[in-house]
Amino acid sequence: MNKTACYKVGYIAKVHGLKGEVTAVITESIDPGALKSFFIEVNSNLVPYFIETLSDRGDKTFVKLEEIDSVEKADALKGCSIYLPKDKRPKLNRGEFYDDEITGFQVISESNEPLGTVNEVVPSGPNRLLSLIYLGKEVLIPTNGPFIKSINKTKKKIVVQLPDGFLDI
């Protein structure tokens, strides 16, 4: 599976037990009970693994994978990222977006002035910031509050309303 067709949902934190079970930390909103398989990044490659059992307990998820039947095999997966295909992620409400989905979108002001292209979405505590280069310097625009006026996924454009002097900081 191509990594660009997937999104990261968590990682393998540690070995759990003696029969190859692992503790996973799931960082995205998914229904772990509906999972039958996922991809684990091993040596920069996404490798499919089928789930034998999965139990979700608060912030930890215990997973037993097919063909992982020893502490040594499970330990080899420790620290590896877990991915799912993008087409499996939940549909979002209008105006909501996944961080990787808007990378490369053109950001324009309400007066139709091009401001730059989204390089990445930077997490900042409970908030997220759009990172773009404007006149040779990085600008971070909060995704919350009144800043984002519209997102057009088809045209790959984000319209923002920024306070006077925001881009001069």
Protein backbone atom coordinates (compact mmCIF):
# COMPACT_ATOMS: atom_id res chain seq x y z
CA MET A 1 0.00 0.00 0.00
CA ASN A 2 1.21 3.46 -0.88
CA LYS A 3 1.74 5.67 2.19
CA THR A 4 0.11 8.69 0.49
CA ALA A 5 -3.13 6.69 0.22
CA CYS A 6 -3.15 6.15 3.98
CA TYR A 7 -3.29 8.19 7.15
CA LYS A 8 -1.67 7.59 10.52
CA VAL A 9 -4.05 6.56 13.31
CA GLY A 10 -1.58 5.69 16.06
CA TYR A 11 1.43 3.60 16.97
CA ILE A 12 2.51 0.42 18.73
CA ALA A 13 3.59 1.47 22.23
CA LYS A 14 4.83 -1.78 23.77
CA VAL A 15 4.51 -5.52 24.10
CA HIS A 16 1.62 -6.76 26.24
CA GLY A 17 1.85 -10.28 27.61
CA LEU A 18 3.86 -13.27 26.42
CA LYS A 19 1.95 -14.39 23.30
CA GLY A 20 2.64 -11.49 20.95
CA GLU A 21 -0.08 -9.07 21.98
CA VAL A 22 0.79 -5.36 21.75
CA THR A 23 -0.47 -2.16 23.30
CA ALA A 24 -1.43 0.42 20.68
CA VAL A 25 -2.06 4.11 21.20
CA ILE A 26 -4.79 5.28 18.83
CA THR A 27 -4.56 9.03 18.22
CA GLU A 28 -7.36 9.44 15.67
CA SER A 29 -11.10 9.10 16.09
CA ILE A 30 -11.86 5.65 14.72
CA ASP A 31 -14.04 2.71 15.71
CA PRO A 32 -11.45 0.15 16.84
CA GLY A 33 -14.14 -2.54 17.09
CA ALA A 34 -14.83 -2.29 13.36
CA LEU A 35 -11.19 -2.89 12.39
CA LYS A 36 -10.32 -6.18 10.75
CA SER A 37 -6.84 -5.13 9.62
CA PHE A 38 -4.47 -2.19 9.37
CA PHE A 39 -1.03 -1.33 8.06
CA ILE A 40 2.07 -1.02 10.20
CA GLU A 41 5.06 0.95 8.97
CA VAL A 42 8.07 -1.37 9.10
CA ASN A 43 11.35 -0.10 7.62
CA SER A 44 9.53 2.69 5.73
CA ASN A 45 7.10 0.19 4.14
CA LEU A 46 3.44 -0.31 5.01
CA VAL A 47 2.85 -3.96 5.86
CA PRO A 48 -0.72 -5.29 6.21
CA TYR A 49 -1.61 -7.09 9.45
CA PHE A 50 -4.86 -8.86 10.23
CA ILE A 51 -6.33 -8.46 13.70
CA GLU A 52 -7.15 -11.59 15.72
CA THR A 53 -8.47 -9.76 18.78
CA LEU A 54 -8.74 -6.16 19.85
CA SER A 55 -9.89 -4.66 23.15
CA ASP A 56 -10.17 -0.96 23.79
CA ARG A 57 -9.63 0.22 27.37
CA GLY A 58 -9.66 3.99 27.64
CA ASP A 59 -6.53 5.46 26.07
CA LYS A 60 -4.98 2.03 25.42
CA THR A 61 -5.90 -0.58 22.86
CA PHE A 62 -4.67 -4.16 23.21
CA VAL A 63 -4.20 -5.92 19.88
CA LYS A 64 -3.34 -9.50 18.95
CA LEU A 65 -2.20 -9.72 15.33
CA GLU A 66 -2.13 -12.81 13.12
CA GLU A 67 1.36 -14.32 12.81
CA ILE A 68 2.69 -12.30 15.75
CA ASP A 69 2.92 -15.06 18.33
CA SER A 70 5.98 -14.26 20.44
CA VAL A 71 7.38 -11.46 22.56
CA GLU A 72 10.26 -11.08 20.08
CA LYS A 73 7.98 -10.61 17.06
CA ALA A 74 5.80 -8.15 18.99
CA ASP A 75 8.84 -6.26 20.27
CA ALA A 76 10.02 -5.73 16.68
CA LEU A 77 6.84 -3.67 16.09
CA LYS A 78 7.34 -1.40 19.10
CA GLY A 79 7.34 2.25 18.04
CA CYS A 80 5.96 1.50 14.57
CA SER A 81 3.15 3.69 13.23
CA ILE A 82 -0.30 2.31 12.41
CA TYR A 83 -2.06 3.39 9.22
CA LEU A 84 -5.47 2.97 7.62
CA PRO A 85 -6.50 3.70 4.03
CA LYS A 86 -7.84 7.25 3.63
CA ASP A 87 -11.04 5.91 2.09
CA LYS A 88 -11.82 4.19 5.43
CA ARG A 89 -11.77 7.34 7.55
CA PRO A 90 -15.05 8.78 8.78
CA LYS A 91 -16.80 11.37 6.64
CA LEU A 92 -16.53 14.83 8.18
CA ASN A 93 -19.17 17.52 8.46
CA ARG A 94 -19.21 20.46 6.08
CA GLY A 95 -16.32 22.83 6.84
CA GLU A 96 -14.29 20.20 8.72
CA PHE A 97 -11.10 18.70 7.35
CA TYR A 98 -8.32 16.26 8.04
CA ASP A 99 -4.89 17.87 8.39
CA ASP A 100 -3.27 16.01 5.48
CA GLU A 101 -6.27 16.71 3.27
CA ILE A 102 -5.62 20.46 2.95
CA THR A 103 -1.84 20.42 2.50
CA GLY A 104 -1.19 22.16 -0.81
CA PHE A 105 -4.42 24.19 -0.74
CA GLN A 106 -4.17 27.83 -1.87
CA VAL A 107 -4.96 30.33 0.91
CA ILE A 108 -6.59 33.59 -0.19
CA SER A 109 -8.00 36.60 1.65
CA GLU A 110 -11.64 37.61 1.44
CA SER A 111 -10.54 40.31 -1.02
CA ASN A 112 -9.14 37.50 -3.25
CA GLU A 113 -5.45 38.28 -2.49
CA PRO A 114 -3.30 35.12 -2.72
CA LEU A 115 -1.48 34.59 0.59
CA GLY A 116 0.31 31.29 -0.01
CA THR A 117 -0.04 27.54 0.00
CA VAL A 118 -0.63 25.38 3.08
CA ASN A 119 2.68 23.61 3.83
CA GLU A 120 1.34 21.72 6.82
CA VAL A 121 -1.14 21.87 9.65
CA VAL A 122 0.70 22.38 12.92
CA PRO A 123 -0.85 21.08 16.16
CA SER A 124 -0.70 23.63 18.96
CA GLY A 125 -2.32 22.22 22.07
CA PRO A 126 -6.02 21.82 21.39
CA ASN A 127 -5.76 24.08 18.34
CA ARG A 128 -4.35 23.67 14.85
CA LEU A 129 -2.50 26.24 12.76
CA LEU A 130 -2.18 26.48 8.98
CA SER A 131 1.48 27.00 8.06
CA LEU A 132 2.22 28.91 4.85
CA ILE A 133 4.93 31.17 3.45
CA TYR A 134 3.85 34.78 2.84
CA LEU A 135 6.40 37.26 1.43
CA GLY A 136 9.28 34.99 2.42
CA LYS A 137 8.26 34.34 6.02
CA GLU A 138 6.20 31.65 7.72
CA VAL A 139 2.70 32.65 8.75
CA LEU A 140 0.59 30.56 11.13
CA ILE A 141 -3.17 30.99 10.83
CA PRO A 142 -5.43 29.46 13.51
CA THR A 143 -8.07 27.11 12.16
CA ASN A 144 -10.48 27.99 14.97
CA GLY A 145 -12.41 31.18 15.53
CA PRO A 146 -13.38 33.57 12.78
CA PHE A 147 -10.22 33.18 10.67
CA ILE A 148 -11.34 30.45 8.23
CA LYS A 149 -14.29 31.67 6.18
CA SER A 150 -14.58 28.78 3.72
CA ILE A 151 -12.81 25.67 2.48
CA ASN A 152 -13.45 24.47 -1.05
CA LYS A 153 -12.01 20.97 -1.35
CA THR A 154 -12.84 20.74 -5.06
CA LYS A 155 -10.99 23.94 -5.97
CA LYS A 156 -8.38 23.38 -3.23
CA LYS A 157 -8.86 26.88 -1.84
CA ILE A 158 -9.20 28.28 1.67
CA VAL A 159 -10.63 31.76 2.17
CA VAL A 160 -9.49 33.51 5.36
CA GLN A 161 -10.42 36.72 7.13
CA LEU A 162 -7.44 38.05 9.07
CA PRO A 163 -7.37 41.00 11.48
CA ASP A 164 -5.64 44.19 10.30
CA GLY A 165 -1.87 43.86 10.73
CA PHE A 166 -1.95 40.06 11.18
CA LEU A 167 0.45 39.46 8.28
CA ASP A 168 2.82 42.20 9.49
CA ILE A 169 3.70 40.44 12.74
